[in-house]
N, C-alpha and C. Protein backbone atom coordinates (compact mmCIF):
# COMPACT_ATOMS: atom_id res chain seq x y z
N MET A 1 8.59 -96.66 33.94
CA MET A 1 7.48 -95.48 33.38
C MET A 1 7.84 -96.00 31.94
N TRP A 2 6.67 -96.63 31.47
CA TRP A 2 6.82 -96.70 30.19
C TRP A 2 6.51 -95.57 29.42
N GLY A 3 6.83 -95.61 27.89
CA GLY A 3 6.55 -94.71 26.72
C GLY A 3 7.34 -93.46 27.26
N PRO A 4 7.60 -92.62 26.37
CA PRO A 4 8.33 -91.36 26.43
C PRO A 4 6.91 -90.07 26.84
N ASN A 5 6.87 -89.73 27.87
CA ASN A 5 6.51 -88.69 28.16
C ASN A 5 4.91 -89.23 28.13
N GLY A 6 4.58 -89.83 29.02
CA GLY A 6 2.82 -90.20 29.02
C GLY A 6 2.18 -88.79 29.10
N ILE A 7 2.60 -88.37 30.23
CA ILE A 7 1.80 -87.06 30.65
C ILE A 7 1.79 -86.08 29.70
N ARG A 8 2.62 -85.68 29.06
CA ARG A 8 2.95 -84.47 27.73
C ARG A 8 1.89 -84.95 26.68
N GLN A 9 1.90 -86.23 26.61
CA GLN A 9 1.25 -86.86 25.42
C GLN A 9 -0.07 -86.81 25.70
N ALA A 10 -0.68 -87.43 26.83
CA ALA A 10 -2.15 -87.23 27.56
C ALA A 10 -2.39 -85.72 27.72
N GLU A 11 -1.82 -84.88 27.75
CA GLU A 11 -2.45 -83.36 28.02
C GLU A 11 -2.35 -82.95 26.45
N GLU A 12 -1.45 -83.30 25.45
CA GLU A 12 -1.67 -82.91 24.32
C GLU A 12 -3.04 -83.25 23.50
N LEU A 13 -3.41 -84.78 23.53
CA LEU A 13 -4.11 -85.49 23.52
C LEU A 13 -5.62 -84.79 23.90
N ALA A 14 -5.40 -84.37 24.82
CA ALA A 14 -6.80 -84.06 25.76
C ALA A 14 -7.30 -82.58 25.54
N SER A 15 -6.22 -81.74 25.09
CA SER A 15 -6.49 -80.46 24.83
C SER A 15 -7.21 -80.67 23.05
N HIS A 16 -7.42 -81.54 22.36
CA HIS A 16 -8.00 -81.49 21.57
C HIS A 16 -9.54 -81.50 21.26
N PHE A 17 -10.37 -82.15 22.29
CA PHE A 17 -11.79 -82.21 22.81
C PHE A 17 -11.89 -81.75 24.30
N THR A 18 -13.33 -81.71 24.38
CA THR A 18 -14.01 -81.24 25.97
C THR A 18 -14.21 -82.30 26.92
N ILE A 19 -13.28 -82.15 28.06
CA ILE A 19 -13.43 -82.63 29.13
C ILE A 19 -14.35 -82.36 30.28
N THR A 20 -14.85 -82.78 30.69
CA THR A 20 -15.74 -82.16 31.53
C THR A 20 -16.01 -83.17 33.45
N LYS A 21 -16.49 -82.56 34.34
CA LYS A 21 -16.17 -83.45 35.41
C LYS A 21 -16.88 -84.86 35.32
N ASP A 22 -17.97 -84.72 34.88
CA ASP A 22 -18.71 -85.90 34.90
C ASP A 22 -18.60 -86.88 34.18
N MET A 23 -17.65 -86.88 33.00
CA MET A 23 -17.16 -87.99 32.50
C MET A 23 -16.66 -88.92 33.09
N ARG A 24 -16.97 -90.52 32.23
CA ARG A 24 -16.22 -91.29 32.25
C ARG A 24 -15.46 -91.81 31.22
N ILE A 25 -14.50 -91.99 31.45
CA ILE A 25 -13.14 -92.43 30.50
C ILE A 25 -12.69 -93.80 30.79
N PHE A 26 -12.23 -94.72 29.74
CA PHE A 26 -11.63 -95.79 29.61
C PHE A 26 -10.37 -95.56 29.05
N ASP A 27 -9.07 -95.42 29.74
CA ASP A 27 -8.00 -94.93 29.08
C ASP A 27 -7.27 -96.94 29.01
N LEU A 28 -7.18 -96.67 27.78
CA LEU A 28 -7.45 -98.47 26.82
C LEU A 28 -5.34 -98.77 27.40
N GLY A 29 -4.50 -99.30 27.36
CA GLY A 29 -3.20 -99.32 27.54
C GLY A 29 -2.53 -98.34 28.21
N CYS A 30 -3.00 -98.13 29.55
CA CYS A 30 -2.74 -96.93 30.63
C CYS A 30 -1.27 -97.27 31.05
N GLY A 31 -0.62 -98.60 30.99
CA GLY A 31 0.88 -99.10 31.47
C GLY A 31 0.61 -98.60 32.53
N SER A 32 1.78 -97.72 33.19
CA SER A 32 1.88 -97.17 35.15
C SER A 32 0.67 -96.56 35.35
N GLY A 33 -0.32 -96.34 34.17
CA GLY A 33 -1.40 -95.51 34.76
C GLY A 33 -1.26 -93.50 34.85
N LEU A 34 0.45 -93.70 34.15
CA LEU A 34 0.25 -91.77 33.95
C LEU A 34 -0.61 -90.93 33.34
N SER A 35 -0.99 -91.51 32.37
CA SER A 35 -2.15 -90.90 31.34
C SER A 35 -3.53 -90.81 32.40
N SER A 36 -3.95 -91.71 32.88
CA SER A 36 -5.09 -91.77 34.13
C SER A 36 -4.73 -90.86 34.85
N LEU A 37 -3.42 -90.50 35.24
CA LEU A 37 -3.51 -90.13 36.54
C LEU A 37 -3.39 -88.20 36.27
N TYR A 38 -3.03 -88.28 35.05
CA TYR A 38 -3.24 -86.85 34.52
C TYR A 38 -4.36 -86.18 34.36
N LEU A 39 -5.62 -87.26 33.67
CA LEU A 39 -7.06 -86.78 33.45
C LEU A 39 -7.31 -86.73 34.82
N ALA A 40 -7.44 -87.91 36.02
CA ALA A 40 -8.03 -87.82 37.17
C ALA A 40 -7.39 -86.56 37.92
N GLN A 41 -6.34 -85.76 37.48
CA GLN A 41 -5.92 -84.60 38.59
C GLN A 41 -6.06 -83.67 37.69
N GLU A 42 -6.22 -83.71 36.30
CA GLU A 42 -6.11 -82.14 35.79
C GLU A 42 -8.28 -82.13 35.72
N TYR A 43 -8.89 -82.67 35.42
CA TYR A 43 -10.35 -82.59 35.14
C TYR A 43 -11.13 -83.49 36.20
N GLY A 44 -10.79 -84.09 37.19
CA GLY A 44 -11.36 -84.83 38.10
C GLY A 44 -12.53 -86.06 37.43
N VAL A 45 -11.91 -86.18 36.58
CA VAL A 45 -13.17 -87.18 35.74
C VAL A 45 -12.98 -88.66 36.21
N ASP A 46 -14.20 -89.65 36.01
CA ASP A 46 -13.55 -91.07 36.68
C ASP A 46 -12.82 -91.76 35.41
N ILE A 47 -12.12 -92.47 35.59
CA ILE A 47 -11.04 -92.95 34.73
C ILE A 47 -11.40 -94.87 35.13
N PHE A 48 -11.37 -95.58 34.14
CA PHE A 48 -10.93 -96.69 34.03
C PHE A 48 -9.90 -97.12 33.55
N ALA A 49 -8.35 -97.15 34.21
CA ALA A 49 -7.00 -97.31 33.87
C ALA A 49 -7.09 -99.20 33.58
N THR A 50 -6.93 -99.60 32.64
CA THR A 50 -6.92 -100.81 31.93
C THR A 50 -5.59 -101.23 31.31
N ASP A 51 -5.45 -102.00 31.33
CA ASP A 51 -3.59 -102.78 30.82
C ASP A 51 -3.66 -103.95 31.08
N LEU A 52 -2.92 -104.63 30.15
CA LEU A 52 -3.17 -105.89 29.58
C LEU A 52 -1.73 -106.59 30.57
N MET A 53 -0.62 -105.83 30.68
CA MET A 53 0.43 -106.09 31.02
C MET A 53 0.84 -105.69 32.60
N MET A 54 0.71 -104.58 32.77
CA MET A 54 0.83 -103.96 34.23
C MET A 54 -0.48 -104.48 35.67
N ASP A 55 0.65 -104.93 36.29
CA ASP A 55 -0.33 -104.79 37.65
C ASP A 55 -1.46 -104.17 38.20
N PRO A 56 -2.91 -104.10 38.06
CA PRO A 56 -3.34 -103.40 38.83
C PRO A 56 -3.53 -102.89 39.91
N THR A 57 -2.84 -103.98 40.89
CA THR A 57 -2.63 -103.55 42.29
C THR A 57 -1.44 -102.91 42.33
N GLU A 58 -0.51 -102.72 41.70
CA GLU A 58 0.90 -101.72 41.62
C GLU A 58 0.13 -100.54 41.46
N ASN A 59 -0.32 -100.45 40.27
CA ASN A 59 -1.57 -99.19 39.72
C ASN A 59 -1.78 -98.28 40.82
N ASN A 60 -2.92 -99.27 41.76
CA ASN A 60 -3.79 -98.79 42.74
C ASN A 60 -2.88 -98.64 43.79
N GLU A 61 -2.00 -98.90 44.15
CA GLU A 61 -1.27 -98.12 44.91
C GLU A 61 -0.58 -96.71 45.18
N ARG A 62 -0.28 -97.17 43.55
CA ARG A 62 0.16 -95.47 42.71
C ARG A 62 -0.57 -94.29 43.05
N PHE A 63 -2.26 -94.95 42.55
CA PHE A 63 -2.91 -93.47 42.88
C PHE A 63 -3.38 -93.30 44.07
N GLN A 64 -3.25 -94.64 44.89
CA GLN A 64 -3.49 -94.10 46.62
C GLN A 64 -2.50 -93.45 47.29
N SER A 65 -1.77 -93.28 46.53
CA SER A 65 -0.39 -92.54 47.39
C SER A 65 -0.32 -91.21 46.89
N LEU A 66 -0.81 -91.10 45.86
CA LEU A 66 -1.54 -89.60 45.37
C LEU A 66 -2.22 -88.88 45.73
N GLY A 67 -3.60 -89.85 46.24
CA GLY A 67 -4.64 -89.55 47.02
C GLY A 67 -6.10 -89.15 45.67
N ILE A 68 -6.01 -90.23 44.66
CA ILE A 68 -6.88 -89.89 43.85
C ILE A 68 -7.46 -91.23 43.53
N ALA A 69 -6.64 -92.80 44.35
CA ALA A 69 -7.70 -93.62 44.40
C ALA A 69 -9.07 -93.75 43.75
N GLY A 70 -9.84 -92.72 44.46
CA GLY A 70 -11.46 -92.62 44.04
C GLY A 70 -11.82 -92.50 42.89
N LYS A 71 -11.01 -91.74 41.80
CA LYS A 71 -11.32 -91.35 40.79
C LYS A 71 -10.96 -92.37 39.85
N ILE A 72 -9.73 -93.60 40.07
CA ILE A 72 -9.32 -94.39 39.11
C ILE A 72 -9.67 -96.10 39.35
N VAL A 73 -10.39 -96.41 38.53
CA VAL A 73 -9.91 -98.11 38.58
C VAL A 73 -9.40 -98.87 38.03
N PRO A 74 -8.01 -99.13 38.57
CA PRO A 74 -7.28 -100.37 37.63
C PRO A 74 -7.75 -101.51 36.96
N LEU A 75 -7.60 -102.24 36.00
CA LEU A 75 -8.10 -103.66 35.93
C LEU A 75 -7.03 -103.70 34.64
N THR A 76 -7.22 -104.92 34.82
CA THR A 76 -6.15 -105.90 33.90
C THR A 76 -7.41 -106.37 32.53
N ILE A 77 -7.05 -105.64 31.38
CA ILE A 77 -7.98 -105.99 30.80
C ILE A 77 -7.19 -106.03 28.99
N ASP A 78 -7.39 -107.04 28.40
CA ASP A 78 -7.05 -107.28 26.98
C ASP A 78 -7.97 -106.73 26.39
N ALA A 79 -7.70 -105.53 25.54
CA ALA A 79 -8.08 -104.76 24.66
C ALA A 79 -8.77 -105.19 23.22
N THR A 80 -8.39 -106.24 23.10
CA THR A 80 -8.30 -107.10 21.85
C THR A 80 -9.82 -107.78 22.07
N GLN A 81 -10.23 -108.18 23.20
CA GLN A 81 -11.01 -109.10 23.86
C GLN A 81 -12.58 -108.25 23.93
N PRO A 82 -13.78 -108.60 24.02
CA PRO A 82 -15.03 -107.77 24.39
C PRO A 82 -14.33 -107.16 25.83
N LEU A 83 -14.97 -106.05 25.66
CA LEU A 83 -14.89 -105.22 27.38
C LEU A 83 -15.53 -105.55 28.51
N PRO A 84 -15.16 -105.25 29.43
CA PRO A 84 -16.23 -106.12 30.40
C PRO A 84 -16.91 -104.71 30.73
N PHE A 85 -17.65 -104.07 30.12
CA PHE A 85 -18.49 -102.71 30.12
C PHE A 85 -19.77 -103.24 29.42
N ALA A 86 -20.78 -102.14 29.91
CA ALA A 86 -22.27 -102.42 28.94
C ALA A 86 -21.71 -101.07 27.68
N LYS A 87 -22.08 -101.72 26.79
CA LYS A 87 -22.37 -100.49 25.48
C LYS A 87 -22.79 -98.97 26.00
N ARG A 88 -22.31 -98.55 25.47
CA ARG A 88 -22.50 -96.93 25.35
C ARG A 88 -22.05 -96.47 26.63
N TYR A 89 -21.31 -97.28 27.75
CA TYR A 89 -20.97 -96.99 29.02
C TYR A 89 -20.20 -95.94 29.19
N SER A 90 -19.18 -95.48 28.25
CA SER A 90 -18.21 -94.56 28.31
C SER A 90 -18.36 -93.07 27.87
N ASP A 91 -17.62 -92.08 27.99
CA ASP A 91 -18.09 -90.31 27.35
C ASP A 91 -16.80 -91.15 26.64
N VAL A 92 -15.66 -91.57 27.08
CA VAL A 92 -14.29 -91.16 25.83
C VAL A 92 -13.37 -92.59 26.33
N ILE A 93 -12.97 -92.87 24.90
CA ILE A 93 -11.87 -93.95 25.35
C ILE A 93 -10.51 -93.42 25.03
N PHE A 94 -9.82 -93.63 25.70
CA PHE A 94 -8.80 -92.88 25.46
C PHE A 94 -7.40 -93.43 25.31
N SER A 95 -6.44 -93.41 24.76
CA SER A 95 -5.12 -94.22 24.44
C SER A 95 -3.94 -93.17 23.93
N VAL A 96 -2.92 -93.51 24.59
CA VAL A 96 -1.98 -93.22 24.73
C VAL A 96 -0.65 -94.04 24.46
N GLY A 97 -0.44 -93.91 23.54
CA GLY A 97 1.11 -94.88 22.92
C GLY A 97 0.65 -96.20 22.74
N ALA A 98 -0.27 -96.60 23.02
CA ALA A 98 -0.64 -98.23 23.02
C ALA A 98 -1.57 -98.76 21.83
N TYR A 99 -2.30 -97.80 21.34
CA TYR A 99 -3.36 -98.53 20.61
C TYR A 99 -2.72 -99.40 19.38
N ASN A 100 -1.70 -99.05 18.96
CA ASN A 100 -0.72 -99.90 17.93
C ASN A 100 -0.92 -100.74 18.09
N LEU A 101 -0.66 -101.20 19.39
CA LEU A 101 -0.49 -102.43 20.27
C LEU A 101 -1.80 -103.60 20.22
N PHE A 102 -3.33 -103.15 19.82
CA PHE A 102 -4.58 -103.89 20.10
C PHE A 102 -5.04 -103.50 18.82
N GLY A 103 -4.63 -102.21 18.66
CA GLY A 103 -5.58 -101.71 17.43
C GLY A 103 -5.37 -102.11 15.81
N ASP A 104 -4.66 -103.05 15.78
CA ASP A 104 -3.82 -102.72 14.32
C ASP A 104 -4.98 -103.71 13.30
N ASN A 105 -6.07 -103.85 13.45
CA ASN A 105 -6.88 -104.42 12.21
C ASN A 105 -8.48 -103.52 12.24
N GLU A 106 -9.17 -104.13 11.34
CA GLU A 106 -10.41 -102.94 10.73
C GLU A 106 -11.31 -103.25 11.93
N GLU A 107 -11.64 -104.38 12.27
CA GLU A 107 -12.53 -104.83 13.20
C GLU A 107 -12.21 -103.79 14.80
N MET A 108 -11.08 -103.14 15.30
CA MET A 108 -11.12 -102.75 16.54
C MET A 108 -11.64 -101.72 16.65
N LEU A 109 -11.80 -100.20 15.71
CA LEU A 109 -12.34 -99.49 16.02
C LEU A 109 -14.00 -99.42 16.27
N PRO A 110 -14.71 -100.51 15.13
CA PRO A 110 -15.80 -100.52 14.95
C PRO A 110 -16.27 -101.48 16.58
N LYS A 111 -15.59 -101.74 16.94
CA LYS A 111 -16.17 -102.88 18.07
C LYS A 111 -15.80 -101.79 19.61
N LEU A 112 -14.71 -100.84 19.55
CA LEU A 112 -14.95 -100.12 20.48
C LEU A 112 -15.55 -98.93 20.50
N ILE A 113 -16.38 -98.40 19.54
CA ILE A 113 -17.33 -97.41 19.21
C ILE A 113 -18.95 -97.46 20.01
N SER A 114 -19.01 -99.08 20.06
CA SER A 114 -20.07 -99.67 20.79
C SER A 114 -20.05 -99.28 22.02
N TYR A 115 -18.82 -99.12 22.90
CA TYR A 115 -18.63 -99.00 24.14
C TYR A 115 -19.15 -97.36 24.72
N VAL A 116 -19.10 -96.42 23.55
CA VAL A 116 -19.27 -95.12 23.48
C VAL A 116 -20.48 -94.16 23.67
N LYS A 117 -20.47 -93.56 24.56
CA LYS A 117 -21.96 -93.00 24.41
C LYS A 117 -22.26 -92.04 23.35
N LYS A 118 -23.13 -91.97 22.67
CA LYS A 118 -23.32 -90.69 21.62
C LYS A 118 -23.11 -89.73 21.98
N GLY A 119 -22.10 -89.01 21.14
CA GLY A 119 -21.37 -87.74 21.35
C GLY A 119 -20.20 -87.89 22.17
N GLY A 120 -19.70 -88.70 22.19
CA GLY A 120 -18.59 -89.02 23.01
C GLY A 120 -16.99 -89.20 21.68
N CYS A 121 -16.02 -89.63 22.06
CA CYS A 121 -15.27 -89.56 21.31
C CYS A 121 -14.13 -91.12 21.62
N ILE A 122 -13.19 -90.87 20.43
CA ILE A 122 -12.00 -91.90 20.74
C ILE A 122 -10.84 -91.46 20.23
N PRO A 123 -10.09 -90.69 20.96
CA PRO A 123 -9.01 -90.16 20.76
C PRO A 123 -7.66 -90.86 20.78
N ARG A 124 -6.36 -90.69 20.50
CA ARG A 124 -5.27 -91.72 20.39
C ARG A 124 -4.12 -91.24 19.89
N ALA A 125 -3.21 -91.41 20.66
CA ALA A 125 -2.00 -90.43 20.47
C ALA A 125 -0.94 -92.07 20.20
N GLU A 126 0.01 -92.04 19.41
CA GLU A 126 1.06 -93.18 18.89
C GLU A 126 2.15 -92.08 18.75
N VAL A 127 3.27 -92.60 19.36
CA VAL A 127 4.83 -92.87 19.14
C VAL A 127 4.99 -92.76 17.81
């Protein structure tokens, strides 16, 4: 498992905004999917668990073993490239401990904003 306690960081980050079951969340840089697991189990939201380095099949097997595979779609995505989603498709773009790996330039946040619905948010936690 990568990073220092991804579930605890996800819990802390999620406490700073309202999450409802009808939300669609992009979890960018999810690693082994701990933050995605937390969000799906705690809030019942639909998650797109994206990471460039982790095998989505491995993550999917983990999600299936916990009975929540239907709530989480694991994907290999390079967040520095255009995302394969419609504009304004997500309610939240969530990132725990990974934003510093792909969001270290002035262009990244404006690019990500285009994928978030009006009234959505982009919280991120860094170590």
